[in-house]
N, C-alpha and C. Protein backbone atom coordinates (compact mmCIF):
# COMPACT_ATOMS: atom_id res chain seq x y z
N MET A 1 54.32 13.50 32.60
CA MET A 1 53.80 13.28 31.26
C MET A 1 52.92 12.02 31.20
N ARG A 2 53.33 10.99 31.92
CA ARG A 2 52.53 9.76 31.95
C ARG A 2 51.19 9.98 32.61
N ALA A 3 51.15 10.82 33.61
CA ALA A 3 49.90 11.11 34.32
C ALA A 3 48.92 11.83 33.40
N VAL A 4 49.44 12.74 32.57
CA VAL A 4 48.59 13.46 31.63
C VAL A 4 48.00 12.50 30.60
N ARG A 5 48.80 11.56 30.12
CA ARG A 5 48.31 10.56 29.16
C ARG A 5 47.21 9.71 29.77
N LYS A 6 47.41 9.31 31.02
CA LYS A 6 46.39 8.50 31.70
C LYS A 6 45.08 9.28 31.83
N ILE A 7 45.19 10.55 32.20
CA ILE A 7 44.00 11.38 32.36
C ILE A 7 43.28 11.54 31.03
N VAL A 8 44.05 11.83 29.96
CA VAL A 8 43.45 11.98 28.63
C VAL A 8 42.81 10.67 28.20
N PHE A 9 43.49 9.54 28.41
CA PHE A 9 42.94 8.24 28.05
C PHE A 9 41.64 7.96 28.82
N LEU A 10 41.65 8.23 30.13
CA LEU A 10 40.45 7.99 30.93
C LEU A 10 39.30 8.90 30.49
N PHE A 11 39.61 10.15 30.15
CA PHE A 11 38.58 11.07 29.68
C PHE A 11 37.97 10.57 28.37
N ILE A 12 38.79 10.16 27.44
CA ILE A 12 38.30 9.65 26.15
C ILE A 12 37.49 8.38 26.35
N PHE A 13 38.00 7.48 27.20
CA PHE A 13 37.30 6.22 27.47
C PHE A 13 35.94 6.49 28.10
N PHE A 14 35.89 7.40 29.09
CA PHE A 14 34.64 7.71 29.77
C PHE A 14 33.64 8.36 28.81
N THR A 15 34.11 9.27 27.95
CA THR A 15 33.24 9.92 26.97
C THR A 15 32.67 8.91 25.98
N ALA A 16 33.52 8.01 25.49
CA ALA A 16 33.06 6.98 24.56
C ALA A 16 32.05 6.06 25.24
N TRP A 17 32.28 5.72 26.49
CA TRP A 17 31.36 4.85 27.23
C TRP A 17 30.00 5.52 27.40
N GLN A 18 30.01 6.83 27.72
CA GLN A 18 28.76 7.58 27.86
C GLN A 18 27.98 7.62 26.54
N CYS A 19 28.69 7.85 25.43
CA CYS A 19 28.02 7.88 24.12
C CYS A 19 27.41 6.52 23.79
N ALA A 20 28.16 5.46 24.09
CA ALA A 20 27.66 4.12 23.81
C ALA A 20 26.42 3.82 24.65
N GLN A 21 26.41 4.26 25.90
CA GLN A 21 25.26 4.02 26.76
C GLN A 21 24.03 4.81 26.31
N SER A 22 24.25 6.05 25.82
CA SER A 22 23.11 6.86 25.40
C SER A 22 22.50 6.34 24.10
N GLN A 23 23.23 5.59 23.30
CA GLN A 23 22.73 5.03 22.05
C GLN A 23 22.08 3.67 22.24
N LYS A 24 22.13 3.13 23.44
CA LYS A 24 21.55 1.82 23.71
C LYS A 24 20.03 1.90 23.68
N VAL A 25 19.40 1.04 22.89
CA VAL A 25 17.95 1.05 22.73
C VAL A 25 17.30 0.32 23.91
N ASP A 26 16.38 1.04 24.58
CA ASP A 26 15.65 0.47 25.72
C ASP A 26 14.32 -0.16 25.32
N SER A 27 13.70 0.41 24.27
CA SER A 27 12.40 -0.10 23.83
C SER A 27 12.22 0.23 22.36
N ILE A 28 11.29 -0.46 21.72
CA ILE A 28 11.00 -0.20 20.32
C ILE A 28 9.50 0.04 20.16
N CYS A 29 9.17 0.77 19.08
CA CYS A 29 7.77 1.14 18.86
C CYS A 29 7.50 1.22 17.36
N PHE A 30 6.34 0.74 16.96
CA PHE A 30 5.89 0.87 15.58
C PHE A 30 5.32 2.27 15.40
N HIS A 31 5.79 2.99 14.40
CA HIS A 31 5.23 4.29 14.02
C HIS A 31 4.83 4.19 12.56
N LEU A 32 3.63 3.71 12.32
CA LEU A 32 3.17 3.45 10.96
C LEU A 32 2.73 4.74 10.28
N TYR A 33 2.97 4.82 8.99
CA TYR A 33 2.60 6.00 8.20
C TYR A 33 1.15 5.96 7.75
N THR A 34 0.50 4.83 7.89
CA THR A 34 -0.87 4.68 7.40
C THR A 34 -1.64 3.81 8.39
N ASP A 35 -2.95 3.84 8.30
CA ASP A 35 -3.76 3.03 9.20
C ASP A 35 -4.03 1.63 8.66
N SER A 36 -3.67 1.40 7.40
CA SER A 36 -3.89 0.07 6.82
C SER A 36 -2.85 -0.20 5.73
N LEU A 37 -2.60 -1.48 5.52
CA LEU A 37 -1.64 -1.91 4.51
C LEU A 37 -2.36 -2.20 3.20
N LYS A 38 -1.64 -2.11 2.11
CA LYS A 38 -2.24 -2.31 0.80
C LYS A 38 -1.74 -3.59 0.17
N LYS A 39 -2.66 -4.36 -0.40
CA LYS A 39 -2.31 -5.60 -1.09
C LYS A 39 -1.63 -5.28 -2.42
N GLY A 40 -0.67 -6.11 -2.79
CA GLY A 40 0.01 -5.94 -4.07
C GLY A 40 1.07 -4.87 -4.05
N PHE A 41 1.42 -4.37 -2.88
CA PHE A 41 2.40 -3.30 -2.75
C PHE A 41 3.42 -3.66 -1.67
N TYR A 42 4.56 -2.98 -1.73
CA TYR A 42 5.51 -3.03 -0.62
C TYR A 42 5.09 -1.94 0.36
N ASN A 43 4.84 -2.33 1.59
CA ASN A 43 4.41 -1.41 2.63
C ASN A 43 5.56 -1.19 3.59
N TYR A 44 6.02 0.06 3.74
CA TYR A 44 7.13 0.36 4.64
C TYR A 44 6.65 0.29 6.08
N ILE A 45 7.33 -0.50 6.89
CA ILE A 45 7.00 -0.64 8.29
C ILE A 45 8.04 0.15 9.07
N ASN A 46 7.63 1.28 9.63
CA ASN A 46 8.53 2.17 10.34
C ASN A 46 8.60 1.78 11.82
N ILE A 47 9.81 1.49 12.28
CA ILE A 47 10.01 1.10 13.67
C ILE A 47 11.14 1.96 14.23
N ASP A 48 10.89 2.55 15.39
CA ASP A 48 11.88 3.40 16.04
C ASP A 48 12.26 2.81 17.39
N GLY A 49 13.49 3.08 17.79
CA GLY A 49 13.97 2.65 19.09
C GLY A 49 14.15 3.84 20.01
N LYS A 50 13.72 3.70 21.25
CA LYS A 50 13.89 4.76 22.24
C LYS A 50 15.14 4.46 23.05
N THR A 51 16.05 5.44 23.11
CA THR A 51 17.32 5.26 23.82
C THR A 51 17.18 5.61 25.29
N ALA A 52 18.23 5.32 26.04
CA ALA A 52 18.22 5.57 27.47
C ALA A 52 18.05 7.05 27.80
N ASP A 53 18.53 7.92 26.91
CA ASP A 53 18.38 9.37 27.17
C ASP A 53 17.09 9.94 26.59
N GLY A 54 16.15 9.08 26.14
CA GLY A 54 14.84 9.52 25.69
C GLY A 54 14.75 9.90 24.23
N LYS A 55 15.81 9.74 23.48
CA LYS A 55 15.78 10.08 22.06
C LYS A 55 15.29 8.88 21.25
N TRP A 56 14.73 9.17 20.08
CA TRP A 56 14.23 8.13 19.18
C TRP A 56 15.21 7.95 18.03
N LEU A 57 15.50 6.69 17.70
CA LEU A 57 16.35 6.37 16.57
C LEU A 57 15.57 5.51 15.58
N PRO A 58 15.67 5.80 14.29
CA PRO A 58 15.03 4.91 13.32
C PRO A 58 15.78 3.59 13.26
N LEU A 59 15.05 2.49 13.22
CA LEU A 59 15.67 1.16 13.17
C LEU A 59 15.33 0.50 11.84
N SER A 60 16.28 -0.25 11.32
CA SER A 60 16.07 -0.94 10.05
C SER A 60 16.29 -2.43 10.26
N SER A 61 16.24 -3.17 9.17
CA SER A 61 16.45 -4.60 9.25
C SER A 61 17.89 -4.95 9.66
N LYS A 62 18.79 -3.97 9.66
CA LYS A 62 20.15 -4.20 10.17
C LYS A 62 20.13 -4.39 11.68
N GLU A 63 19.26 -3.65 12.37
CA GLU A 63 19.17 -3.74 13.82
C GLU A 63 18.03 -4.64 14.30
N LEU A 64 17.10 -4.95 13.42
CA LEU A 64 15.90 -5.70 13.80
C LEU A 64 15.75 -6.98 13.01
N GLU A 65 15.13 -7.94 13.63
CA GLU A 65 14.63 -9.11 12.91
C GLU A 65 13.12 -8.89 12.79
N LEU A 66 12.64 -8.81 11.56
CA LEU A 66 11.22 -8.57 11.31
C LEU A 66 10.56 -9.89 10.93
N ILE A 67 9.47 -10.21 11.62
CA ILE A 67 8.83 -11.52 11.47
C ILE A 67 7.35 -11.33 11.16
N VAL A 68 6.86 -12.07 10.17
CA VAL A 68 5.41 -12.14 9.90
C VAL A 68 5.01 -13.60 10.08
N PHE A 69 3.82 -13.82 10.58
CA PHE A 69 3.37 -15.16 10.93
C PHE A 69 2.52 -15.78 9.84
N ASP A 70 2.86 -15.50 8.61
CA ASP A 70 2.15 -16.09 7.48
C ASP A 70 3.17 -16.36 6.38
N PRO A 71 3.24 -17.59 5.89
CA PRO A 71 4.26 -17.92 4.88
C PRO A 71 4.04 -17.21 3.53
N ASN A 72 2.86 -16.64 3.31
CA ASN A 72 2.57 -15.94 2.05
C ASN A 72 3.04 -14.49 2.05
N LEU A 73 3.54 -14.01 3.18
CA LEU A 73 4.02 -12.65 3.30
C LEU A 73 5.53 -12.67 3.45
N ARG A 74 6.18 -11.57 3.03
CA ARG A 74 7.64 -11.55 3.16
C ARG A 74 8.14 -10.12 3.37
N PHE A 75 9.23 -10.02 4.09
CA PHE A 75 9.91 -8.75 4.29
C PHE A 75 11.11 -8.65 3.37
N GLU A 76 11.33 -7.48 2.83
CA GLU A 76 12.57 -7.12 2.16
C GLU A 76 13.00 -5.83 2.84
N ASN A 77 14.02 -5.92 3.68
CA ASN A 77 14.42 -4.82 4.56
C ASN A 77 13.23 -4.47 5.44
N ASN A 78 12.81 -3.21 5.48
CA ASN A 78 11.65 -2.83 6.29
C ASN A 78 10.35 -2.85 5.49
N ASP A 79 10.40 -3.31 4.25
CA ASP A 79 9.24 -3.33 3.38
C ASP A 79 8.54 -4.68 3.44
N LEU A 80 7.27 -4.66 3.79
CA LEU A 80 6.46 -5.87 3.84
C LEU A 80 5.65 -5.96 2.56
N PHE A 81 5.84 -7.06 1.83
CA PHE A 81 5.07 -7.27 0.61
C PHE A 81 3.88 -8.15 0.93
N ILE A 82 2.69 -7.68 0.51
CA ILE A 82 1.45 -8.44 0.70
C ILE A 82 0.90 -8.76 -0.67
N ASP A 83 0.84 -10.03 -0.98
CA ASP A 83 0.33 -10.47 -2.28
C ASP A 83 -1.12 -10.06 -2.43
N SER A 84 -1.52 -9.76 -3.65
CA SER A 84 -2.91 -9.33 -3.89
C SER A 84 -3.92 -10.44 -3.62
N ALA A 85 -3.47 -11.69 -3.54
CA ALA A 85 -4.37 -12.80 -3.25
C ALA A 85 -4.52 -13.06 -1.75
N TYR A 86 -3.87 -12.28 -0.92
CA TYR A 86 -3.94 -12.45 0.54
C TYR A 86 -5.38 -12.23 1.00
N LYS A 87 -5.93 -13.17 1.78
CA LYS A 87 -7.36 -13.16 2.13
C LYS A 87 -7.67 -12.64 3.53
N LYS A 88 -6.71 -12.62 4.42
CA LYS A 88 -7.00 -12.22 5.80
C LYS A 88 -7.18 -10.71 5.91
N GLU A 89 -7.80 -10.27 7.01
CA GLU A 89 -8.06 -8.85 7.22
C GLU A 89 -6.93 -8.14 7.95
N THR A 90 -6.04 -8.91 8.61
CA THR A 90 -4.96 -8.31 9.38
C THR A 90 -3.65 -9.05 9.13
N VAL A 91 -2.57 -8.40 9.53
CA VAL A 91 -1.23 -9.00 9.49
C VAL A 91 -0.62 -8.82 10.87
N LEU A 92 -0.05 -9.88 11.41
CA LEU A 92 0.64 -9.82 12.69
C LEU A 92 2.13 -9.68 12.41
N VAL A 93 2.74 -8.59 12.88
CA VAL A 93 4.16 -8.31 12.64
C VAL A 93 4.87 -8.24 13.98
N LYS A 94 6.04 -8.87 14.05
CA LYS A 94 6.86 -8.85 15.25
C LYS A 94 8.24 -8.32 14.90
N ALA A 95 8.75 -7.40 15.72
CA ALA A 95 10.09 -6.85 15.55
C ALA A 95 10.91 -7.19 16.78
N VAL A 96 12.08 -7.80 16.56
CA VAL A 96 12.96 -8.20 17.65
C VAL A 96 14.30 -7.50 17.46
N LEU A 97 14.79 -6.86 18.51
CA LEU A 97 16.07 -6.17 18.46
C LEU A 97 17.19 -7.21 18.43
N LYS A 98 18.01 -7.18 17.39
CA LYS A 98 19.07 -8.19 17.24
C LYS A 98 20.10 -8.14 18.36
N SER A 99 20.42 -6.94 18.83
CA SER A 99 21.44 -6.81 19.87
C SER A 99 20.94 -7.24 21.25
N ASN A 100 19.61 -7.27 21.43
CA ASN A 100 19.02 -7.71 22.69
C ASN A 100 17.64 -8.29 22.40
N PRO A 101 17.56 -9.61 22.14
CA PRO A 101 16.28 -10.24 21.78
C PRO A 101 15.20 -10.14 22.86
N ALA A 102 15.57 -9.73 24.06
CA ALA A 102 14.56 -9.54 25.10
C ALA A 102 13.70 -8.31 24.81
N ILE A 103 14.18 -7.44 23.92
CA ILE A 103 13.42 -6.26 23.53
C ILE A 103 12.73 -6.56 22.21
N TRP A 104 11.41 -6.62 22.24
CA TRP A 104 10.64 -6.92 21.04
C TRP A 104 9.25 -6.27 21.16
N LYS A 105 8.61 -6.16 20.02
CA LYS A 105 7.26 -5.58 19.98
C LYS A 105 6.49 -6.29 18.88
N GLU A 106 5.23 -6.51 19.13
CA GLU A 106 4.34 -7.19 18.19
C GLU A 106 3.11 -6.31 17.98
N THR A 107 2.65 -6.23 16.74
CA THR A 107 1.46 -5.43 16.48
C THR A 107 0.63 -6.06 15.37
N THR A 108 -0.66 -5.80 15.41
CA THR A 108 -1.58 -6.25 14.37
C THR A 108 -1.91 -5.04 13.50
N ILE A 109 -1.74 -5.20 12.19
CA ILE A 109 -2.00 -4.11 11.25
C ILE A 109 -3.10 -4.56 10.29
N TYR A 110 -4.06 -3.69 10.05
CA TYR A 110 -5.18 -4.02 9.18
C TYR A 110 -4.82 -3.88 7.71
N ILE A 111 -5.53 -4.66 6.89
CA ILE A 111 -5.37 -4.61 5.43
C ILE A 111 -6.46 -3.70 4.88
N ARG A 112 -6.09 -2.88 3.93
CA ARG A 112 -7.06 -1.98 3.29
C ARG A 112 -8.12 -2.82 2.58
N LYS A 113 -9.39 -2.52 2.82
CA LYS A 113 -10.49 -3.26 2.20
C LYS A 113 -10.95 -2.63 0.90
N ARG A 114 -10.94 -1.30 0.85
CA ARG A 114 -11.38 -0.60 -0.36
C ARG A 114 -10.30 -0.65 -1.41
N GLY A 115 -10.72 -0.73 -2.64
CA GLY A 115 -9.77 -0.73 -3.74
C GLY A 115 -9.34 0.68 -4.10
N PHE A 116 -8.59 0.79 -5.16
CA PHE A 116 -8.09 2.08 -5.61
C PHE A 116 -8.81 2.53 -6.87
N ASP A 117 -10.01 2.01 -7.11
CA ASP A 117 -10.72 2.32 -8.34
C ASP A 117 -11.67 3.52 -8.18
N GLU A 118 -11.68 4.16 -7.01
CA GLU A 118 -12.55 5.32 -6.81
C GLU A 118 -11.96 6.52 -7.54
N ALA A 119 -12.82 7.26 -8.20
CA ALA A 119 -12.36 8.47 -8.90
C ALA A 119 -12.18 9.60 -7.90
N LEU A 120 -11.07 10.30 -8.00
CA LEU A 120 -10.83 11.45 -7.14
C LEU A 120 -11.57 12.65 -7.69
N LYS A 121 -11.98 13.56 -6.77
CA LYS A 121 -12.65 14.77 -7.21
C LYS A 121 -11.64 15.68 -7.91
N THR A 122 -12.13 16.40 -8.90
CA THR A 122 -11.27 17.36 -9.60
C THR A 122 -11.18 18.64 -8.76
N ASN A 123 -10.23 19.48 -9.09
CA ASN A 123 -10.09 20.77 -8.39
C ASN A 123 -11.38 21.57 -8.50
N ARG A 124 -12.00 21.58 -9.67
CA ARG A 124 -13.23 22.34 -9.89
C ARG A 124 -14.34 21.83 -8.98
N GLU A 125 -14.48 20.50 -8.83
CA GLU A 125 -15.53 19.93 -7.98
C GLU A 125 -15.33 20.32 -6.52
N ILE A 126 -14.09 20.31 -6.08
CA ILE A 126 -13.81 20.69 -4.69
C ILE A 126 -14.11 22.17 -4.48
N LEU A 127 -13.67 23.02 -5.40
CA LEU A 127 -13.94 24.46 -5.28
C LEU A 127 -15.44 24.76 -5.35
N ASP A 128 -16.16 24.03 -6.20
CA ASP A 128 -17.60 24.23 -6.30
C ASP A 128 -18.30 23.89 -4.99
N GLU A 129 -17.83 22.85 -4.30
CA GLU A 129 -18.43 22.48 -3.02
C GLU A 129 -18.31 23.61 -2.00
N TYR A 130 -17.16 24.27 -1.97
CA TYR A 130 -16.95 25.33 -0.99
C TYR A 130 -17.62 26.64 -1.38
N SER A 131 -17.89 26.83 -2.66
CA SER A 131 -18.55 28.08 -3.07
C SER A 131 -20.06 27.93 -3.17
N ASP A 132 -20.61 26.76 -2.96
CA ASP A 132 -22.05 26.51 -3.02
C ASP A 132 -22.72 27.17 -1.81
N PRO A 133 -23.59 28.18 -2.01
CA PRO A 133 -24.20 28.89 -0.88
C PRO A 133 -25.11 27.99 -0.04
N SER A 134 -25.74 26.99 -0.64
CA SER A 134 -26.63 26.13 0.16
C SER A 134 -25.83 25.30 1.17
N ARG A 135 -24.59 24.95 0.86
CA ARG A 135 -23.74 24.22 1.81
C ARG A 135 -23.35 25.11 2.98
N LYS A 136 -23.07 26.38 2.70
CA LYS A 136 -22.69 27.30 3.77
C LYS A 136 -23.82 27.49 4.76
N SER A 137 -25.04 27.64 4.26
CA SER A 137 -26.17 27.86 5.16
C SER A 137 -26.44 26.61 6.00
N ARG A 138 -26.23 25.43 5.42
CA ARG A 138 -26.41 24.19 6.19
C ARG A 138 -25.38 24.10 7.31
N ARG A 139 -24.14 24.46 7.00
CA ARG A 139 -23.10 24.42 8.03
C ARG A 139 -23.43 25.40 9.14
N LYS A 140 -23.92 26.58 8.80
CA LYS A 140 -24.24 27.59 9.79
C LYS A 140 -25.35 27.09 10.70
N ASN A 141 -26.38 26.46 10.12
CA ASN A 141 -27.50 25.98 10.92
C ASN A 141 -27.12 24.86 11.87
N LEU A 142 -26.14 24.05 11.51
CA LEU A 142 -25.74 22.94 12.39
C LEU A 142 -25.09 23.45 13.66
N THR A 143 -24.44 24.61 13.59
CA THR A 143 -23.76 25.12 14.77
C THR A 143 -24.49 26.27 15.42
N SER A 144 -25.62 26.65 14.88
CA SER A 144 -26.37 27.77 15.41
C SER A 144 -26.90 27.44 16.80
N SER A 145 -26.80 28.40 17.71
CA SER A 145 -27.29 28.17 19.07
C SER A 145 -28.80 28.05 19.12
N SER A 146 -29.50 28.55 18.08
CA SER A 146 -30.95 28.45 18.07
C SER A 146 -31.41 27.00 17.91
N ARG A 147 -30.55 26.12 17.43
CA ARG A 147 -30.92 24.71 17.24
C ARG A 147 -30.64 23.88 18.48
N LEU A 148 -29.98 24.44 19.48
CA LEU A 148 -29.66 23.70 20.69
C LEU A 148 -30.88 23.71 21.61
N PRO A 149 -31.10 22.61 22.34
CA PRO A 149 -32.26 22.57 23.26
C PRO A 149 -32.03 23.52 24.43
N LYS A 150 -33.12 24.10 24.91
CA LYS A 150 -33.07 24.99 26.08
C LYS A 150 -33.07 24.12 27.33
N ILE A 151 -32.12 24.38 28.21
CA ILE A 151 -31.99 23.59 29.45
C ILE A 151 -32.10 24.54 30.63
N SER A 152 -33.02 24.22 31.53
CA SER A 152 -33.14 25.05 32.73
C SER A 152 -32.12 24.57 33.74
N PRO A 153 -31.69 25.42 34.67
CA PRO A 153 -30.64 25.06 35.63
C PRO A 153 -30.94 23.83 36.46
N GLY A 154 -32.17 23.54 36.82
CA GLY A 154 -32.47 22.39 37.67
C GLY A 154 -32.86 21.15 36.90
N GLN A 155 -32.69 21.15 35.58
CA GLN A 155 -33.20 20.05 34.76
C GLN A 155 -32.40 18.76 34.95
N TYR A 156 -31.10 18.83 35.22
CA TYR A 156 -30.28 17.63 35.38
C TYR A 156 -29.92 17.42 36.84
N ARG A 157 -29.85 16.15 37.21
CA ARG A 157 -29.35 15.82 38.54
C ARG A 157 -27.84 15.95 38.54
N SER A 158 -27.23 16.10 39.67
CA SER A 158 -25.78 16.28 39.75
C SER A 158 -25.04 15.03 39.27
N ALA A 159 -25.67 13.85 39.36
CA ALA A 159 -25.01 12.61 38.91
C ALA A 159 -24.90 12.56 37.40
N ASP A 160 -25.74 13.32 36.66
CA ASP A 160 -25.71 13.32 35.21
C ASP A 160 -24.56 14.15 34.64
N VAL A 161 -24.05 15.07 35.44
CA VAL A 161 -23.04 15.99 34.94
C VAL A 161 -21.77 15.82 35.76
N SER A 162 -20.67 15.63 35.07
CA SER A 162 -19.38 15.50 35.75
C SER A 162 -18.71 16.87 35.77
N ILE A 163 -18.39 17.34 36.94
CA ILE A 163 -17.73 18.64 37.09
C ILE A 163 -16.36 18.40 37.70
N ASN A 164 -15.33 18.92 37.03
CA ASN A 164 -13.98 18.77 37.55
C ASN A 164 -13.67 19.95 38.45
N GLN A 165 -13.55 19.69 39.72
CA GLN A 165 -13.23 20.75 40.68
C GLN A 165 -11.80 20.56 41.15
N GLY A 166 -10.84 20.99 40.31
CA GLY A 166 -9.41 20.79 40.53
C GLY A 166 -8.95 21.49 41.70
């Protein structure tokens, strides 16, 4: 009976150890939802960790220390607030894994330059663009083979053309 308990204990211990090892983060990566940050808003900074078994885990401020190199910017959890008076074109963000500070990543993210005062097209305007016959004929002419230049077989030297001969 004691031998069975030892075997069961060792099996449980080994299984728990394997699970713990597979959840260990080997690297981190920024996966941003947008190409630029907006002033006057909280911008969510998405950071994922890659585990030893190749799976991705979402990481939050519980697992990461998030750092910005400007005293006018601040993080609240994974949300970076950029004041509307911020003058620089980029923000430098660093994420450090709390459980292993040797694992960190730094990235530069651009600030949106255009404002939000542009009027969006209405549904009618968008539909009118696609039903306009003059637009269709222009699109057809751009891809028409009759508009492509005629090339004779000996016109280019072999150095001008790269051919992949796998």
